[in-house]
Amino acid sequence: MEENKSVIGALFFILMVVGANFVMYGIVRGAARSKGKGFWETFGKAMNTSTKKKNDDMDELRRKMEELQKGGKEE
């Protein structure tokens, strides 16, 4: 009886792992085929973080600091 329960438990575990793999495969396949683009192109764009916004924020901060420094020197 104990042996049957352990076999059923092992089969249930294997089915859960296989089912989770199929679900993940479906999610990745759907994400990779978004807008008709290939997997590597979509993956590359997802992994490539854009530094443009960061640079814009830093430029804005630099301009504000220069304005504040000029304003402090005039007074």
PDB file of N, CA and C in Angstrom:
ATOM      1  N   MET A   1       0.817  -1.186   0.000  1.00  0.00           N
ATOM      2  CA  MET A   1       0.000   0.000   0.000  1.00  0.00           C
ATOM      3  C   MET A   1       0.872   1.266   0.000  1.00  0.00           C
ATOM      4  N   GLU A   2       1.916   1.270   0.837  1.00  0.00           N
ATOM      5  CA  GLU A   2       2.836   2.400   0.893  1.00  0.00           C
ATOM      6  C   GLU A   2       3.549   2.590  -0.443  1.00  0.00           C
ATOM      7  N   GLU A   3       3.883   1.491  -1.074  1.00  0.00           N
ATOM      8  CA  GLU A   3       4.579   1.558  -2.355  1.00  0.00           C
ATOM      9  C   GLU A   3       3.687   2.189  -3.415  1.00  0.00           C
ATOM     10  N   ASN A   4       2.413   1.877  -3.404  1.00  0.00           N
ATOM     11  CA  ASN A   4       1.475   2.448  -4.376  1.00  0.00           C
ATOM     12  C   ASN A   4       1.341   3.957  -4.182  1.00  0.00           C
ATOM     13  N   LYS A   5       1.291   4.397  -2.923  1.00  0.00           N
ATOM     14  CA  LYS A   5       1.167   5.825  -2.642  1.00  0.00           C
ATOM     15  C   LYS A   5       2.406   6.578  -3.106  1.00  0.00           C
ATOM     16  N   SER A   6       3.569   6.000  -2.923  1.00  0.00           N
ATOM     17  CA  SER A   6       4.789   6.679  -3.341  1.00  0.00           C
ATOM     18  C   SER A   6       4.876   6.747  -4.868  1.00  0.00           C
ATOM     19  N   VAL A   7       4.421   5.726  -5.550  1.00  0.00           N
ATOM     20  CA  VAL A   7       4.419   5.736  -7.020  1.00  0.00           C
ATOM     21  C   VAL A   7       3.432   6.782  -7.526  1.00  0.00           C
ATOM     22  N   ILE A   8       2.265   6.836  -6.929  1.00  0.00           N
ATOM     23  CA  ILE A   8       1.266   7.829  -7.330  1.00  0.00           C
ATOM     24  C   ILE A   8       1.791   9.243  -7.065  1.00  0.00           C
ATOM     25  N   GLY A   9       2.441   9.438  -5.930  1.00  0.00           N
ATOM     26  CA  GLY A   9       3.032  10.740  -5.616  1.00  0.00           C
ATOM     27  C   GLY A   9       4.118  11.140  -6.605  1.00  0.00           C
ATOM     28  N   ALA A  10       4.956  10.175  -6.969  1.00  0.00           N
ATOM     29  CA  ALA A  10       6.027  10.456  -7.936  1.00  0.00           C
ATOM     30  C   ALA A  10       5.442  10.788  -9.304  1.00  0.00           C
ATOM     31  N   LEU A  11       4.435  10.064  -9.740  1.00  0.00           N
ATOM     32  CA  LEU A  11       3.790  10.349 -11.020  1.00  0.00           C
ATOM     33  C   LEU A  11       3.120  11.724 -11.006  1.00  0.00           C
ATOM     34  N   PHE A  12       2.474  12.039  -9.893  1.00  0.00           N
ATOM     35  CA  PHE A  12       1.834  13.355  -9.764  1.00  0.00           C
ATOM     36  C   PHE A  12       2.878  14.463  -9.855  1.00  0.00           C
ATOM     37  N   PHE A  13       4.014  14.287  -9.189  1.00  0.00           N
ATOM     38  CA  PHE A  13       5.086  15.274  -9.225  1.00  0.00           C
ATOM     39  C   PHE A  13       5.633  15.434 -10.645  1.00  0.00           C
ATOM     40  N   ILE A  14       5.848  14.325 -11.326  1.00  0.00           N
ATOM     41  CA  ILE A  14       6.360  14.373 -12.703  1.00  0.00           C
ATOM     42  C   ILE A  14       5.368  15.084 -13.614  1.00  0.00           C
ATOM     43  N   LEU A  15       4.079  14.791 -13.465  1.00  0.00           N
ATOM     44  CA  LEU A  15       3.064  15.453 -14.280  1.00  0.00           C
ATOM     45  C   LEU A  15       2.999  16.956 -14.000  1.00  0.00           C
ATOM     46  N   MET A  16       3.200  17.335 -12.749  1.00  0.00           N
ATOM     47  CA  MET A  16       3.216  18.762 -12.418  1.00  0.00           C
ATOM     48  C   MET A  16       4.398  19.473 -13.083  1.00  0.00           C
ATOM     49  N   VAL A  17       5.573  18.847 -13.065  1.00  0.00           N
ATOM     50  CA  VAL A  17       6.760  19.445 -13.677  1.00  0.00           C
ATOM     51  C   VAL A  17       6.581  19.544 -15.188  1.00  0.00           C
ATOM     52  N   VAL A  18       6.084  18.497 -15.806  1.00  0.00           N
ATOM     53  CA  VAL A  18       5.865  18.513 -17.258  1.00  0.00           C
ATOM     54  C   VAL A  18       4.808  19.554 -17.617  1.00  0.00           C
ATOM     55  N   GLY A  19       3.743  19.650 -16.836  1.00  0.00           N
ATOM     56  CA  GLY A  19       2.704  20.645 -17.090  1.00  0.00           C
ATOM     57  C   GLY A  19       3.233  22.063 -16.954  1.00  0.00           C
ATOM     58  N   ALA A  20       4.045  22.307 -15.943  1.00  0.00           N
ATOM     59  CA  ALA A  20       4.632  23.635 -15.766  1.00  0.00           C
ATOM     60  C   ALA A  20       5.549  23.984 -16.936  1.00  0.00           C
ATOM     61  N   ASN A  21       6.279  23.004 -17.441  1.00  0.00           N
ATOM     62  CA  ASN A  21       7.145  23.244 -18.598  1.00  0.00           C
ATOM     63  C   ASN A  21       6.328  23.608 -19.832  1.00  0.00           C
ATOM     64  N   PHE A  22       5.211  22.940 -20.052  1.00  0.00           N
ATOM     65  CA  PHE A  22       4.354  23.273 -21.188  1.00  0.00           C
ATOM     66  C   PHE A  22       3.778  24.685 -21.052  1.00  0.00           C
ATOM     67  N   VAL A  23       3.384  25.050 -19.860  1.00  0.00           N
ATOM     68  CA  VAL A  23       2.850  26.398 -19.646  1.00  0.00           C
ATOM     69  C   VAL A  23       3.929  27.440 -19.920  1.00  0.00           C
ATOM     70  N   MET A  24       5.134  27.229 -19.411  1.00  0.00           N
ATOM     71  CA  MET A  24       6.221  28.176 -19.645  1.00  0.00           C
ATOM     72  C   MET A  24       6.589  28.236 -21.126  1.00  0.00           C
ATOM     73  N   TYR A  25       6.560  27.113 -21.791  1.00  0.00           N
ATOM     74  CA  TYR A  25       6.839  27.084 -23.230  1.00  0.00           C
ATOM     75  C   TYR A  25       5.817  27.935 -23.976  1.00  0.00           C
ATOM     76  N   GLY A  26       4.564  27.808 -23.607  1.00  0.00           N
ATOM     77  CA  GLY A  26       3.519  28.594 -24.252  1.00  0.00           C
ATOM     78  C   GLY A  26       3.685  30.083 -24.002  1.00  0.00           C
ATOM     79  N   ILE A  27       4.054  30.447 -22.788  1.00  0.00           N
ATOM     80  CA  ILE A  27       4.254  31.862 -22.461  1.00  0.00           C
ATOM     81  C   ILE A  27       5.423  32.435 -23.255  1.00  0.00           C
ATOM     82  N   VAL A  28       6.528  31.724 -23.288  1.00  0.00           N
ATOM     83  CA  VAL A  28       7.711  32.207 -24.008  1.00  0.00           C
ATOM     84  C   VAL A  28       7.445  32.254 -25.503  1.00  0.00           C
ATOM     85  N   ARG A  29       6.770  31.273 -26.020  1.00  0.00           N
ATOM     86  CA  ARG A  29       6.473  31.259 -27.454  1.00  0.00           C
ATOM     87  C   ARG A  29       5.566  32.428 -27.826  1.00  0.00           C
ATOM     88  N   GLY A  30       4.584  32.702 -26.998  1.00  0.00           N
ATOM     89  CA  GLY A  30       3.701  33.828 -27.260  1.00  0.00           C
ATOM     90  C   GLY A  30       4.421  35.158 -27.169  1.00  0.00           C
ATOM     91  N   ALA A  31       5.310  35.292 -26.201  1.00  0.00           N
ATOM     92  CA  ALA A  31       6.058  36.542 -26.050  1.00  0.00           C
ATOM     93  C   ALA A  31       7.053  36.725 -27.185  1.00  0.00           C
ATOM     94  N   ALA A  32       7.625  35.636 -27.645  1.00  0.00           N
ATOM     95  CA  ALA A  32       8.632  35.724 -28.701  1.00  0.00           C
ATOM     96  C   ALA A  32       8.004  36.037 -30.048  1.00  0.00           C
ATOM     97  N   ARG A  33       6.769  35.681 -30.227  1.00  0.00           N
ATOM     98  CA  ARG A  33       6.120  35.925 -31.512  1.00  0.00           C
ATOM     99  C   ARG A  33       5.297  37.202 -31.509  1.00  0.00           C
ATOM    100  N   SER A  34       5.514  38.043 -30.542  1.00  0.00           N
ATOM    101  CA  SER A  34       4.753  39.284 -30.483  1.00  0.00           C
ATOM    102  C   SER A  34       5.115  40.182 -31.651  1.00  0.00           C
ATOM    103  N   LYS A  35       4.113  40.706 -32.317  1.00  0.00           N
ATOM    104  CA  LYS A  35       4.247  41.643 -33.435  1.00  0.00           C
ATOM    105  C   LYS A  35       5.057  41.059 -34.587  1.00  0.00           C
ATOM    106  N   GLY A  36       5.059  39.765 -34.741  1.00  0.00           N
ATOM    107  CA  GLY A  36       5.707  39.132 -35.886  1.00  0.00           C
ATOM    108  C   GLY A  36       7.218  39.163 -35.863  1.00  0.00           C
ATOM    109  N   LYS A  37       7.821  39.522 -34.778  1.00  0.00           N
ATOM    110  CA  LYS A  37       9.274  39.573 -34.701  1.00  0.00           C
ATOM    111  C   LYS A  37       9.814  38.230 -34.219  1.00  0.00           C
ATOM    112  N   GLY A  38      11.067  37.980 -34.528  1.00  0.00           N
ATOM    113  CA  GLY A  38      11.697  36.742 -34.125  1.00  0.00           C
ATOM    114  C   GLY A  38      12.049  36.724 -32.651  1.00  0.00           C
ATOM    115  N   PHE A  39      12.351  35.547 -32.170  1.00  0.00           N
ATOM    116  CA  PHE A  39      12.662  35.379 -30.762  1.00  0.00           C
ATOM    117  C   PHE A  39      13.883  36.172 -30.355  1.00  0.00           C
ATOM    118  N   TRP A  40      14.967  36.086 -31.127  1.00  0.00           N
ATOM    119  CA  TRP A  40      16.214  36.737 -30.730  1.00  0.00           C
ATOM    120  C   TRP A  40      16.101  38.254 -30.779  1.00  0.00           C
ATOM    121  N   GLU A  41      15.329  38.770 -31.742  1.00  0.00           N
ATOM    122  CA  GLU A  41      15.135  40.220 -31.817  1.00  0.00           C
ATOM    123  C   GLU A  41      14.357  40.719 -30.602  1.00  0.00           C
ATOM    124  N   THR A  42      13.290  40.006 -30.256  1.00  0.00           N
ATOM    125  CA  THR A  42      12.494  40.379 -29.088  1.00  0.00           C
ATOM    126  C   THR A  42      13.317  40.230 -27.817  1.00  0.00           C
ATOM    127  N   PHE A  43      14.072  39.150 -27.717  1.00  0.00           N
ATOM    128  CA  PHE A  43      14.905  38.913 -26.547  1.00  0.00           C
ATOM    129  C   PHE A  43      15.976  39.992 -26.417  1.00  0.00           C
ATOM    130  N   GLY A  44      16.594  40.343 -27.530  1.00  0.00           N
ATOM    131  CA  GLY A  44      17.633  41.378 -27.508  1.00  0.00           C
ATOM    132  C   GLY A  44      17.092  42.724 -27.083  1.00  0.00           C
ATOM    133  N   LYS A  45      15.909  43.084 -27.582  1.00  0.00           N
ATOM    134  CA  LYS A  45      15.314  44.364 -27.189  1.00  0.00           C
ATOM    135  C   LYS A  45      14.911  44.352 -25.724  1.00  0.00           C
ATOM    136  N   ALA A  46      14.471  43.220 -25.227  1.00  0.00           N
ATOM    137  CA  ALA A  46      14.082  43.136 -23.826  1.00  0.00           C
ATOM    138  C   ALA A  46      15.297  43.251 -22.908  1.00  0.00           C
ATOM    139  N   MET A  47      16.419  42.698 -23.326  1.00  0.00           N
ATOM    140  CA  MET A  47      17.613  42.722 -22.496  1.00  0.00           C
ATOM    141  C   MET A  47      18.400  44.017 -22.631  1.00  0.00           C
ATOM    142  N   ASN A  48      18.193  44.751 -23.723  1.00  0.00           N
ATOM    143  CA  ASN A  48      18.914  45.990 -23.951  1.00  0.00           C
ATOM    144  C   ASN A  48      18.181  47.121 -23.245  1.00  0.00           C
ATOM    145  N   THR A  49      18.733  47.570 -22.152  1.00  0.00           N
ATOM    146  CA  THR A  49      18.103  48.662 -21.417  1.00  0.00           C
ATOM    147  C   THR A  49      18.499  49.976 -22.070  1.00  0.00           C
ATOM    148  N   SER A  50      17.537  50.796 -22.297  1.00  0.00           N
ATOM    149  CA  SER A  50      17.775  52.076 -22.954  1.00  0.00           C
ATOM    150  C   SER A  50      18.406  53.050 -21.961  1.00  0.00           C
ATOM    151  N   THR A  51      19.505  53.655 -22.378  1.00  0.00           N
ATOM    152  CA  THR A  51      20.175  54.634 -21.521  1.00  0.00           C
ATOM    153  C   THR A  51      19.771  56.046 -21.897  1.00  0.00           C
ATOM    154  N   LYS A  52      18.944  56.205 -22.934  1.00  0.00           N
ATOM    155  CA  LYS A  52      18.553  57.538 -23.378  1.00  0.00           C
ATOM    156  C   LYS A  52      17.799  58.279 -22.285  1.00  0.00           C
ATOM    157  N   LYS A  53      16.841  57.635 -21.656  1.00  0.00           N
ATOM    158  CA  LYS A  53      16.063  58.285 -20.608  1.00  0.00           C
ATOM    159  C   LYS A  53      16.959  58.644 -19.424  1.00  0.00           C
ATOM    160  N   LYS A  54      17.875  57.765 -19.082  1.00  0.00           N
ATOM    161  CA  LYS A  54      18.794  58.061 -17.988  1.00  0.00           C
ATOM    162  C   LYS A  54      19.669  59.254 -18.321  1.00  0.00           C
ATOM    163  N   ASN A  55      20.148  59.311 -19.559  1.00  0.00           N
ATOM    164  CA  ASN A  55      20.991  60.439 -19.968  1.00  0.00           C
ATOM    165  C   ASN A  55      20.191  61.736 -19.971  1.00  0.00           C
ATOM    166  N   ASP A  56      18.938  61.687 -20.424  1.00  0.00           N
ATOM    167  CA  ASP A  56      18.095  62.876 -20.413  1.00  0.00           C
ATOM    168  C   ASP A  56      17.881  63.379 -18.988  1.00  0.00           C
ATOM    169  N   ASP A  57      17.643  62.456 -18.077  1.00  0.00           N
ATOM    170  CA  ASP A  57      17.460  62.844 -16.678  1.00  0.00           C
ATOM    171  C   ASP A  57      18.726  63.476 -16.110  1.00  0.00           C
ATOM    172  N   MET A  58      19.875  62.907 -16.433  1.00  0.00           N
ATOM    173  CA  MET A  58      21.134  63.461 -15.942  1.00  0.00           C
ATOM    174  C   MET A  58      21.411  64.836 -16.549  1.00  0.00           C
ATOM    175  N   ASP A  59      21.085  65.024 -17.840  1.00  0.00           N
ATOM    176  CA  ASP A  59      21.275  66.331 -18.468  1.00  0.00           C
ATOM    177  C   ASP A  59      20.380  67.375 -17.817  1.00  0.00           C
ATOM    178  N   GLU A  60      19.151  66.996 -17.518  1.00  0.00           N
ATOM    179  CA  GLU A  60      18.238  67.926 -16.860  1.00  0.00           C
ATOM    180  C   GLU A  60      18.762  68.300 -15.468  1.00  0.00           C
ATOM    181  N   LEU A  61      19.243  67.324 -14.737  1.00  0.00           N
ATOM    182  CA  LEU A  61      19.801  67.587 -13.416  1.00  0.00           C
ATOM    183  C   LEU A  61      21.027  68.494 -13.511  1.00  0.00           C
ATOM    184  N   ARG A  62      21.861  68.253 -14.491  1.00  0.00           N
ATOM    185  CA  ARG A  62      23.059  69.067 -14.676  1.00  0.00           C
ATOM    186  C   ARG A  62      22.679  70.516 -14.994  1.00  0.00           C
ATOM    187  N   ARG A  63      21.662  70.718 -15.848  1.00  0.00           N
ATOM    188  CA  ARG A  63      21.211  72.077 -16.162  1.00  0.00           C
ATOM    189  C   ARG A  63      20.658  72.776 -14.924  1.00  0.00           C
ATOM    190  N   LYS A  64      19.881  72.073 -14.139  1.00  0.00           N
ATOM    191  CA  LYS A  64      19.315  72.656 -12.914  1.00  0.00           C
ATOM    192  C   LYS A  64      20.422  73.059 -11.946  1.00  0.00           C
ATOM    193  N   MET A  65      21.423  72.190 -11.809  1.00  0.00           N
ATOM    194  CA  MET A  65      22.536  72.502 -10.903  1.00  0.00           C
ATOM    195  C   MET A  65      23.295  73.741 -11.387  1.00  0.00           C
ATOM    196  N   GLU A  66      23.509  73.849 -12.705  1.00  0.00           N
ATOM    197  CA  GLU A  66      24.207  75.021 -13.241  1.00  0.00           C
ATOM    198  C   GLU A  66      23.377  76.281 -12.995  1.00  0.00           C
ATOM    199  N   GLU A  67      22.066  76.194 -13.204  1.00  0.00           N
ATOM    200  CA  GLU A  67      21.205  77.344 -12.938  1.00  0.00           C
ATOM    201  C   GLU A  67      21.261  77.773 -11.481  1.00  0.00           C
ATOM    202  N   LEU A  68      21.231  76.803 -10.595  1.00  0.00           N
ATOM    203  CA  LEU A  68      21.287  77.111  -9.157  1.00  0.00           C
ATOM    204  C   LEU A  68      22.627  77.730  -8.783  1.00  0.00           C
ATOM    205  N   GLN A  69      23.702  77.209  -9.358  1.00  0.00           N
ATOM    206  CA  GLN A  69      25.023  77.761  -9.048  1.00  0.00           C
ATOM    207  C   GLN A  69      25.162  79.172  -9.586  1.00  0.00           C
ATOM    208  N   LYS A  70      24.655  79.441 -10.794  1.00  0.00           N
ATOM    209  CA  LYS A  70      24.720  80.790 -11.353  1.00  0.00           C
ATOM    210  C   LYS A  70      23.870  81.748 -10.531  1.00  0.00           C
ATOM    211  N   GLY A  71      22.707  81.294 -10.084  1.00  0.00           N
ATOM    212  CA  GLY A  71      21.828  82.124  -9.273  1.00  0.00           C
ATOM    213  C   GLY A  71      22.459  82.441  -7.934  1.00  0.00           C
ATOM    214  N   GLY A  72      23.183  81.546  -7.352  1.00  0.00           N
ATOM    215  CA  GLY A  72      23.837  81.766  -6.072  1.00  0.00           C
ATOM    216  C   GLY A  72      25.003  82.716  -6.184  1.00  0.00           C
ATOM    217  N   LYS A  73      25.712  82.723  -7.311  1.00  0.00           N
ATOM    218  CA  LYS A  73      26.863  83.605  -7.496  1.00  0.00           C
ATOM    219  C   LYS A  73      26.421  85.052  -7.728  1.00  0.00           C
ATOM    220  N   GLU A  74      25.263  85.246  -8.367  1.00  0.00           N
ATOM    221  CA  GLU A  74      24.799  86.583  -8.681  1.00  0.00           C
ATOM    222  C   GLU A  74      24.340  87.309  -7.432  1.00  0.00           C
ATOM    223  N   GLU A  75      23.800  86.602  -6.458  1.00  0.00           N
ATOM    224  CA  GLU A  75      23.277  87.232  -5.252  1.00  0.00           C
ATOM    225  C   GLU A  75      24.358  87.517  -4.310  1.00  0.00           C
TER     226      GLU A  75
END
